[in-house]
Amino acid sequence: MGGLTYIDFLAKFGVGGAHPGGIGLTKSILAEENITNECTILDAGCGTGQTAAYLFDQYKAKITCLELNPIMIEKAKNRFLSLQYPIQLIQGSVEEIPFQDDSFDFILCESVLAFVNKPKALKEFNRVLKPGGRLLANEMTINSKLNKQAEEEIVQFYNIDSLLLESDWVQLFEECGFTDIEIKSLHLNLMDNSSAQEFNFSQNFEPELFSILNQHGNMLVKYHDILSHRIFSCSK
């Protein structure tokens, strides 16, 4: 059993809107899309369900959530139950999505691809999207190449397999069958999460998780000019 990871911290602290820009940025991304109550939407890697709850509240769309982490699943389930929202919640991986081809009008993916096998997940997204369907992704992106040591440090801390430049992401989306790729860089400072983050603490959490929170803060300070994010919107 390895040590605790950044994902463990997010799960145990029940961080809602952990992605760059938080729920505030999510709302502005969604406002630019043509979402109606007829739309089927997959929140891929839904975390504690903050975005999915907003989607239902705002659009009354047909929302399905996919999440692998059992602690996050529990917190999302409790959220939807307390709100009495009819959101389908499924435990599973974005690398093997348990849905038929052409199932969704939209897939929303917020800081998920960085932590998984990217080509595998993107091919799955393409498969389950309807023709003309839209993928909206807010993902960690580096502004410039890093030296080997710095790259190692970031990759190891976040437990990810690679760091991608904007051009790497675009190439990957294209290779996985996506078109009309638009990129938004809102130049948000990752350290400035203007919409306050939401926390839903687990009853038992390990004290070491505080040091992970600390390290995360240190990473953002140390690499503030390199570590960034982009919002990609594209079509099938």
C-alpha atoms as a PDB file:
ATOM      1  CA  MET A   1       0.000   0.000   0.000  1.00  0.00           C
ATOM      2  CA  GLY A   2       1.616   3.265  -1.114  1.00  0.00           C
ATOM      3  CA  GLY A   3       1.468   6.519   0.820  1.00  0.00           C
ATOM      4  CA  LEU A   4      -1.426   8.912   0.688  1.00  0.00           C
ATOM      5  CA  THR A   5      -1.866  10.901  -2.522  1.00  0.00           C
ATOM      6  CA  TYR A   6      -3.263  14.247  -3.607  1.00  0.00           C
ATOM      7  CA  ILE A   7      -6.475  12.428  -4.657  1.00  0.00           C
ATOM      8  CA  ASP A   8      -6.791  10.973  -1.129  1.00  0.00           C
ATOM      9  CA  PHE A   9      -6.585  14.516   0.214  1.00  0.00           C
ATOM     10  CA  LEU A  10      -9.324  15.736  -2.158  1.00  0.00           C
ATOM     11  CA  ALA A  11     -11.553  12.788  -1.231  1.00  0.00           C
ATOM     12  CA  LYS A  12     -11.117  12.890   2.554  1.00  0.00           C
ATOM     13  CA  PHE A  13     -11.405  16.686   2.715  1.00  0.00           C
ATOM     14  CA  GLY A  14     -14.405  16.471   0.363  1.00  0.00           C
ATOM     15  CA  VAL A  15     -13.138  19.350  -1.749  1.00  0.00           C
ATOM     16  CA  GLY A  16     -15.841  20.628  -4.092  1.00  0.00           C
ATOM     17  CA  GLY A  17     -14.640  22.583  -7.119  1.00  0.00           C
ATOM     18  CA  ALA A  18     -11.043  21.398  -6.669  1.00  0.00           C
ATOM     19  CA  HIS A  19     -10.354  22.133 -10.344  1.00  0.00           C
ATOM     20  CA  PRO A  20      -8.785  25.473 -11.338  1.00  0.00           C
ATOM     21  CA  GLY A  21     -11.325  28.279 -11.208  1.00  0.00           C
ATOM     22  CA  GLY A  22     -13.712  26.249  -9.058  1.00  0.00           C
ATOM     23  CA  ILE A  23     -17.471  26.238  -9.551  1.00  0.00           C
ATOM     24  CA  GLY A  24     -17.386  29.882 -10.675  1.00  0.00           C
ATOM     25  CA  LEU A  25     -15.390  29.006 -13.779  1.00  0.00           C
ATOM     26  CA  THR A  26     -17.563  25.940 -14.384  1.00  0.00           C
ATOM     27  CA  LYS A  27     -20.675  28.140 -14.502  1.00  0.00           C
ATOM     28  CA  SER A  28     -19.154  30.457 -17.093  1.00  0.00           C
ATOM     29  CA  ILE A  29     -18.002  27.525 -19.279  1.00  0.00           C
ATOM     30  CA  LEU A  30     -21.493  25.989 -19.213  1.00  0.00           C
ATOM     31  CA  ALA A  31     -23.202  29.316 -19.922  1.00  0.00           C
ATOM     32  CA  GLU A  32     -21.525  29.390 -23.337  1.00  0.00           C
ATOM     33  CA  GLU A  33     -23.040  26.054 -24.372  1.00  0.00           C
ATOM     34  CA  ASN A  34     -26.519  25.324 -25.649  1.00  0.00           C
ATOM     35  CA  ILE A  35     -27.714  23.160 -22.727  1.00  0.00           C
ATOM     36  CA  THR A  36     -31.412  22.364 -22.337  1.00  0.00           C
ATOM     37  CA  ASN A  37     -33.484  20.014 -20.177  1.00  0.00           C
ATOM     38  CA  GLU A  38     -33.421  17.560 -23.091  1.00  0.00           C
ATOM     39  CA  CYS A  39     -29.642  17.151 -22.974  1.00  0.00           C
ATOM     40  CA  THR A  40     -27.909  14.042 -21.668  1.00  0.00           C
ATOM     41  CA  ILE A  41     -24.741  15.009 -19.823  1.00  0.00           C
ATOM     42  CA  LEU A  42     -21.940  12.861 -18.425  1.00  0.00           C
ATOM     43  CA  ASP A  43     -19.970  14.408 -15.568  1.00  0.00           C
ATOM     44  CA  ALA A  44     -16.845  12.304 -15.981  1.00  0.00           C
ATOM     45  CA  GLY A  45     -14.969  12.079 -12.688  1.00  0.00           C
ATOM     46  CA  CYS A  46     -17.664  13.986 -10.806  1.00  0.00           C
ATOM     47  CA  GLY A  47     -15.861  14.117  -7.440  1.00  0.00           C
ATOM     48  CA  THR A  48     -18.254  15.119  -4.660  1.00  0.00           C
ATOM     49  CA  GLY A  49     -20.939  16.091  -7.186  1.00  0.00           C
ATOM     50  CA  GLN A  50     -20.862  19.884  -6.896  1.00  0.00           C
ATOM     51  CA  THR A  51     -20.917  20.512 -10.663  1.00  0.00           C
ATOM     52  CA  ALA A  52     -23.549  17.834 -11.331  1.00  0.00           C
ATOM     53  CA  ALA A  53     -25.860  19.351  -8.707  1.00  0.00           C
ATOM     54  CA  TYR A  54     -25.419  22.772 -10.318  1.00  0.00           C
ATOM     55  CA  LEU A  55     -26.131  21.312 -13.780  1.00  0.00           C
ATOM     56  CA  PHE A  56     -29.403  19.803 -12.618  1.00  0.00           C
ATOM     57  CA  ASP A  57     -30.388  22.864 -10.610  1.00  0.00           C
ATOM     58  CA  GLN A  58     -29.681  25.232 -13.488  1.00  0.00           C
ATOM     59  CA  TYR A  59     -30.707  23.219 -16.568  1.00  0.00           C
ATOM     60  CA  LYS A  60     -32.835  20.265 -15.335  1.00  0.00           C
ATOM     61  CA  ALA A  61     -30.832  18.171 -17.809  1.00  0.00           C
ATOM     62  CA  LYS A  62     -30.439  14.383 -17.630  1.00  0.00           C
ATOM     63  CA  ILE A  63     -27.230  14.041 -15.623  1.00  0.00           C
ATOM     64  CA  THR A  64     -25.093  10.942 -15.209  1.00  0.00           C
ATOM     65  CA  CYS A  65     -22.061  10.976 -12.921  1.00  0.00           C
ATOM     66  CA  LEU A  66     -19.084   8.653 -13.212  1.00  0.00           C
ATOM     67  CA  GLU A  67     -16.564   8.507 -10.360  1.00  0.00           C
ATOM     68  CA  LEU A  68     -13.978   5.948  -9.314  1.00  0.00           C
ATOM     69  CA  ASN A  69     -13.114   7.066  -5.783  1.00  0.00           C
ATOM     70  CA  PRO A  70     -15.446   5.372  -3.237  1.00  0.00           C
ATOM     71  CA  ILE A  71     -15.202   8.229  -0.712  1.00  0.00           C
ATOM     72  CA  MET A  72     -16.155  10.802  -3.319  1.00  0.00           C
ATOM     73  CA  ILE A  73     -18.985   8.539  -4.527  1.00  0.00           C
ATOM     74  CA  GLU A  74     -20.396   8.451  -0.985  1.00  0.00           C
ATOM     75  CA  LYS A  75     -20.242  12.237  -0.656  1.00  0.00           C
ATOM     76  CA  ALA A  76     -21.833  12.798  -4.062  1.00  0.00           C
ATOM     77  CA  LYS A  77     -24.584  10.278  -3.226  1.00  0.00           C
ATOM     78  CA  ASN A  78     -25.366  12.070   0.036  1.00  0.00           C
ATOM     79  CA  ARG A  79     -25.448  15.412  -1.750  1.00  0.00           C
ATOM     80  CA  PHE A  80     -27.922  14.224  -4.392  1.00  0.00           C
ATOM     81  CA  LEU A  81     -30.098  12.485  -1.798  1.00  0.00           C
ATOM     82  CA  SER A  82     -30.301  15.532   0.437  1.00  0.00           C
ATOM     83  CA  LEU A  83     -31.190  17.735  -2.553  1.00  0.00           C
ATOM     84  CA  GLN A  84     -33.524  15.030  -3.936  1.00  0.00           C
ATOM     85  CA  TYR A  85     -31.965  15.409  -7.378  1.00  0.00           C
ATOM     86  CA  PRO A  86     -32.542  12.522  -9.839  1.00  0.00           C
ATOM     87  CA  ILE A  87     -28.884  12.253 -10.849  1.00  0.00           C
ATOM     88  CA  GLN A  88     -27.554   8.849 -11.868  1.00  0.00           C
ATOM     89  CA  LEU A  89     -24.322   8.036 -10.047  1.00  0.00           C
ATOM     90  CA  ILE A  90     -22.101   5.191 -11.194  1.00  0.00           C
ATOM     91  CA  GLN A  91     -18.792   3.956  -9.829  1.00  0.00           C
ATOM     92  CA  GLY A  92     -16.407   3.381 -12.686  1.00  0.00           C
ATOM     93  CA  SER A  93     -13.403   4.570 -14.642  1.00  0.00           C
ATOM     94  CA  VAL A  94     -13.282   7.094 -17.479  1.00  0.00           C
ATOM     95  CA  GLU A  95     -10.898   4.645 -19.157  1.00  0.00           C
ATOM     96  CA  GLU A  96     -13.712   2.081 -19.499  1.00  0.00           C
ATOM     97  CA  ILE A  97     -17.027   3.935 -19.550  1.00  0.00           C
ATOM     98  CA  PRO A  98     -19.958   1.571 -18.891  1.00  0.00           C
ATOM     99  CA  PHE A  99     -22.243   3.109 -21.538  1.00  0.00           C
ATOM    100  CA  GLN A 100     -23.164   2.383 -25.116  1.00  0.00           C
ATOM    101  CA  ASP A 101     -21.819   4.323 -28.076  1.00  0.00           C
ATOM    102  CA  ASP A 102     -23.481   7.674 -28.839  1.00  0.00           C
ATOM    103  CA  SER A 103     -25.096   8.073 -25.390  1.00  0.00           C
ATOM    104  CA  PHE A 104     -24.409  11.708 -24.425  1.00  0.00           C
ATOM    105  CA  ASP A 105     -24.848  15.219 -25.809  1.00  0.00           C
ATOM    106  CA  PHE A 106     -22.178  16.620 -23.485  1.00  0.00           C
ATOM    107  CA  ILE A 107     -19.267  15.305 -21.465  1.00  0.00           C
ATOM    108  CA  LEU A 108     -17.850  17.532 -18.776  1.00  0.00           C
ATOM    109  CA  CYS A 109     -14.405  16.690 -17.477  1.00  0.00           C
ATOM    110  CA  GLU A 110     -12.792  18.860 -14.800  1.00  0.00           C
ATOM    111  CA  SER A 111      -9.201  18.058 -13.824  1.00  0.00           C
ATOM    112  CA  VAL A 112      -9.659  14.352 -14.518  1.00  0.00           C
ATOM    113  CA  LEU A 113      -7.651  13.588 -17.659  1.00  0.00           C
ATOM    114  CA  ALA A 114      -4.406  14.630 -15.961  1.00  0.00           C
ATOM    115  CA  PHE A 115      -4.771  11.699 -13.542  1.00  0.00           C
ATOM    116  CA  VAL A 116      -5.658   8.894 -15.985  1.00  0.00           C
ATOM    117  CA  ASN A 117      -4.490   7.289 -19.225  1.00  0.00           C
ATOM    118  CA  LYS A 118      -5.348  10.237 -21.464  1.00  0.00           C
ATOM    119  CA  PRO A 119      -5.631   8.536 -24.902  1.00  0.00           C
ATOM    120  CA  LYS A 120      -7.729   5.722 -23.427  1.00  0.00           C
ATOM    121  CA  ALA A 121     -10.117   8.124 -21.684  1.00  0.00           C
ATOM    122  CA  LEU A 122     -10.434  10.444 -24.687  1.00  0.00           C
ATOM    123  CA  LYS A 123     -11.216   7.545 -27.035  1.00  0.00           C
ATOM    124  CA  GLU A 124     -13.926   6.464 -24.590  1.00  0.00           C
ATOM    125  CA  PHE A 125     -15.309  10.010 -24.449  1.00  0.00           C
ATOM    126  CA  ASN A 126     -15.445  10.070 -28.225  1.00  0.00           C
ATOM    127  CA  ARG A 127     -17.186   6.688 -28.305  1.00  0.00           C
ATOM    128  CA  VAL A 128     -19.970   7.570 -25.851  1.00  0.00           C
ATOM    129  CA  LEU A 129     -20.604  11.065 -27.247  1.00  0.00           C
ATOM    130  CA  LYS A 130     -23.377  11.411 -29.811  1.00  0.00           C
ATOM    131  CA  PRO A 131     -22.335  12.635 -33.271  1.00  0.00           C
ATOM    132  CA  GLY A 132     -21.957  16.399 -32.921  1.00  0.00           C
ATOM    133  CA  GLY A 133     -21.743  15.996 -29.134  1.00  0.00           C
ATOM    134  CA  ARG A 134     -19.522  18.307 -27.099  1.00  0.00           C
ATOM    135  CA  LEU A 135     -16.604  17.634 -24.782  1.00  0.00           C
ATOM    136  CA  LEU A 136     -15.782  20.361 -22.257  1.00  0.00           C
ATOM    137  CA  ALA A 137     -12.513  19.793 -20.413  1.00  0.00           C
ATOM    138  CA  ASN A 138     -10.688  21.952 -17.862  1.00  0.00           C
ATOM    139  CA  GLU A 139      -7.233  20.415 -17.542  1.00  0.00           C
ATOM    140  CA  MET A 140      -3.789  20.966 -16.076  1.00  0.00           C
ATOM    141  CA  THR A 141      -1.479  22.385 -18.744  1.00  0.00           C
ATOM    142  CA  ILE A 142       2.110  23.563 -18.534  1.00  0.00           C
ATOM    143  CA  ASN A 143       2.980  26.911 -20.105  1.00  0.00           C
ATOM    144  CA  SER A 144       6.483  25.803 -21.086  1.00  0.00           C
ATOM    145  CA  LYS A 145       8.722  22.763 -20.973  1.00  0.00           C
ATOM    146  CA  LEU A 146      10.252  21.937 -17.607  1.00  0.00           C
ATOM    147  CA  ASN A 147      13.641  20.517 -16.784  1.00  0.00           C
ATOM    148  CA  LYS A 148      13.686  16.818 -15.920  1.00  0.00           C
ATOM    149  CA  GLN A 149      13.981  17.365 -12.170  1.00  0.00           C
ATOM    150  CA  ALA A 150      11.062  19.815 -11.955  1.00  0.00           C
ATOM    151  CA  GLU A 151       8.888  17.597 -14.146  1.00  0.00           C
ATOM    152  CA  GLU A 152       9.699  14.589 -11.931  1.00  0.00           C
ATOM    153  CA  GLU A 153       8.739  16.528  -8.809  1.00  0.00           C
ATOM    154  CA  ILE A 154       5.317  17.539 -10.156  1.00  0.00           C
ATOM    155  CA  VAL A 155       4.556  14.164 -11.747  1.00  0.00           C
ATOM    156  CA  GLN A 156       5.416  12.307  -8.547  1.00  0.00           C
ATOM    157  CA  PHE A 157       3.504  14.612  -6.213  1.00  0.00           C
ATOM    158  CA  TYR A 158       0.267  14.548  -8.230  1.00  0.00           C
ATOM    159  CA  ASN A 159       0.769  10.894  -9.166  1.00  0.00           C
ATOM    160  CA  ILE A 160       0.252  11.584 -12.872  1.00  0.00           C
ATOM    161  CA  ASP A 161       1.935  10.072 -15.929  1.00  0.00           C
ATOM    162  CA  SER A 162       2.828  13.206 -17.895  1.00  0.00           C
ATOM    163  CA  LEU A 163       2.622  16.984 -18.170  1.00  0.00           C
ATOM    164  CA  LEU A 164       1.252  18.403 -21.405  1.00  0.00           C
ATOM    165  CA  LEU A 165       1.694  21.682 -23.224  1.00  0.00           C
ATOM    166  CA  GLU A 166      -1.339  23.233 -24.904  1.00  0.00           C
ATOM    167  CA  SER A 167      -0.115  21.915 -28.284  1.00  0.00           C
ATOM    168  CA  ASP A 168       0.244  18.374 -26.840  1.00  0.00           C
ATOM    169  CA  TRP A 169      -3.382  18.455 -25.674  1.00  0.00           C
ATOM    170  CA  VAL A 170      -4.632  19.641 -29.068  1.00  0.00           C
ATOM    171  CA  GLN A 171      -2.712  16.876 -30.831  1.00  0.00           C
ATOM    172  CA  LEU A 172      -4.167  14.318 -28.434  1.00  0.00           C
ATOM    173  CA  PHE A 173      -7.755  15.524 -28.945  1.00  0.00           C
ATOM    174  CA  GLU A 174      -7.275  15.355 -32.718  1.00  0.00           C
ATOM    175  CA  GLU A 175      -5.748  11.873 -32.573  1.00  0.00           C
ATOM    176  CA  CYS A 176      -8.746  10.694 -30.543  1.00  0.00           C
ATOM    177  CA  GLY A 177     -11.222  11.919 -33.160  1.00  0.00           C
ATOM    178  CA  PHE A 178     -12.266  15.368 -31.899  1.00  0.00           C
ATOM    179  CA  THR A 179     -12.763  18.408 -34.129  1.00  0.00           C
ATOM    180  CA  ASP A 180     -13.490  22.148 -33.752  1.00  0.00           C
ATOM    181  CA  ILE A 181     -11.089  22.360 -30.827  1.00  0.00           C
ATOM    182  CA  GLU A 182     -11.345  25.693 -29.066  1.00  0.00           C
ATOM    183  CA  ILE A 183      -9.001  26.722 -26.283  1.00  0.00           C
ATOM    184  CA  LYS A 184      -9.706  29.237 -23.594  1.00  0.00           C
ATOM    185  CA  SER A 185      -7.014  30.394 -21.250  1.00  0.00           C
ATOM    186  CA  LEU A 186      -8.586  32.662 -18.676  1.00  0.00           C
ATOM    187  CA  HIS A 187      -5.195  33.327 -17.104  1.00  0.00           C
ATOM    188  CA  LEU A 188      -6.579  32.431 -13.730  1.00  0.00           C
ATOM    189  CA  ASN A 189      -3.987  32.312 -11.046  1.00  0.00           C
ATOM    190  CA  LEU A 190      -4.213  28.778  -9.665  1.00  0.00           C
ATOM    191  CA  MET A 191      -3.585  30.178  -6.203  1.00  0.00           C
ATOM    192  CA  ASP A 192      -6.547  32.528  -6.451  1.00  0.00           C
ATOM    193  CA  ASN A 193      -9.730  30.544  -6.220  1.00  0.00           C
ATOM    194  CA  SER A 194     -12.131  33.435  -6.122  1.00  0.00           C
ATOM    195  CA  SER A 195     -15.179  31.266  -5.505  1.00  0.00           C
ATOM    196  CA  ALA A 196     -14.522  29.848  -2.065  1.00  0.00           C
ATOM    197  CA  GLN A 197     -13.886  26.124  -2.069  1.00  0.00           C
ATOM    198  CA  GLU A 198     -16.344  23.807  -0.439  1.00  0.00           C
ATOM    199  CA  PHE A 199     -15.207  21.192   2.090  1.00  0.00           C
ATOM    200  CA  ASN A 200     -17.023  18.091   3.293  1.00  0.00           C
ATOM    201  CA  PHE A 201     -14.627  16.395   5.705  1.00  0.00           C
ATOM    202  CA  SER A 202     -14.593  12.661   6.322  1.00  0.00           C
ATOM    203  CA  GLN A 203     -14.996  11.787   9.986  1.00  0.00           C
ATOM    204  CA  ASN A 204     -11.660  10.008  10.072  1.00  0.00           C
ATOM    205  CA  PHE A 205      -8.844  11.491   8.110  1.00  0.00           C
ATOM    206  CA  GLU A 206      -5.135  11.026   8.476  1.00  0.00           C
ATOM    207  CA  PRO A 207      -3.097  13.978   9.823  1.00  0.00           C
ATOM    208  CA  GLU A 208      -0.634  13.452   6.917  1.00  0.00           C
ATOM    209  CA  LEU A 209      -3.295  14.844   4.602  1.00  0.00           C
ATOM    210  CA  PHE A 210      -2.559  18.302   5.974  1.00  0.00           C
ATOM    211  CA  SER A 211       1.026  17.974   4.766  1.00  0.00           C
ATOM    212  CA  ILE A 212      -0.297  17.034   1.291  1.00  0.00           C
ATOM    213  CA  LEU A 213      -2.398  20.207   1.332  1.00  0.00           C
ATOM    214  CA  ASN A 214       0.745  22.103   2.319  1.00  0.00           C
ATOM    215  CA  GLN A 215       2.834  20.526  -0.439  1.00  0.00           C
ATOM    216  CA  HIS A 216       0.127  21.330  -2.981  1.00  0.00           C
ATOM    217  CA  GLY A 217       0.276  24.981  -1.912  1.00  0.00           C
ATOM    218  CA  ASN A 218       4.066  24.948  -2.182  1.00  0.00           C
ATOM    219  CA  MET A 219       3.887  23.467  -5.690  1.00  0.00           C
ATOM    220  CA  LEU A 220       1.539  26.217  -6.847  1.00  0.00           C
ATOM    221  CA  VAL A 221       3.870  28.886  -5.479  1.00  0.00           C
ATOM    222  CA  LYS A 222       7.055  27.276  -6.797  1.00  0.00           C
ATOM    223  CA  TYR A 223       5.732  26.653 -10.312  1.00  0.00           C
ATOM    224  CA  HIS A 224       3.208  29.494 -10.564  1.00  0.00           C
ATOM    225  CA  ASP A 225       4.499  30.609 -13.973  1.00  0.00           C
ATOM    226  CA  ILE A 226       4.596  27.078 -15.415  1.00  0.00           C
ATOM    227  CA  LEU A 227       1.678  25.129 -13.945  1.00  0.00           C
ATOM    228  CA  SER A 228      -1.542  26.352 -15.453  1.00  0.00           C
ATOM    229  CA  HIS A 229      -4.712  25.027 -17.054  1.00  0.00           C
ATOM    230  CA  ARG A 230      -6.712  25.372 -20.242  1.00  0.00           C
ATOM    231  CA  ILE A 231     -10.349  24.951 -21.067  1.00  0.00           C
ATOM    232  CA  PHE A 232     -10.804  22.838 -24.182  1.00  0.00           C
ATOM    233  CA  SER A 233     -14.144  22.572 -25.919  1.00  0.00           C
ATOM    234  CA  CYS A 234     -14.469  20.309 -28.919  1.00  0.00           C
ATOM    235  CA  SER A 235     -16.961  18.291 -30.912  1.00  0.00           C
ATOM    236  CA  LYS A 236     -17.236  14.699 -32.060  1.00  0.00           C
END
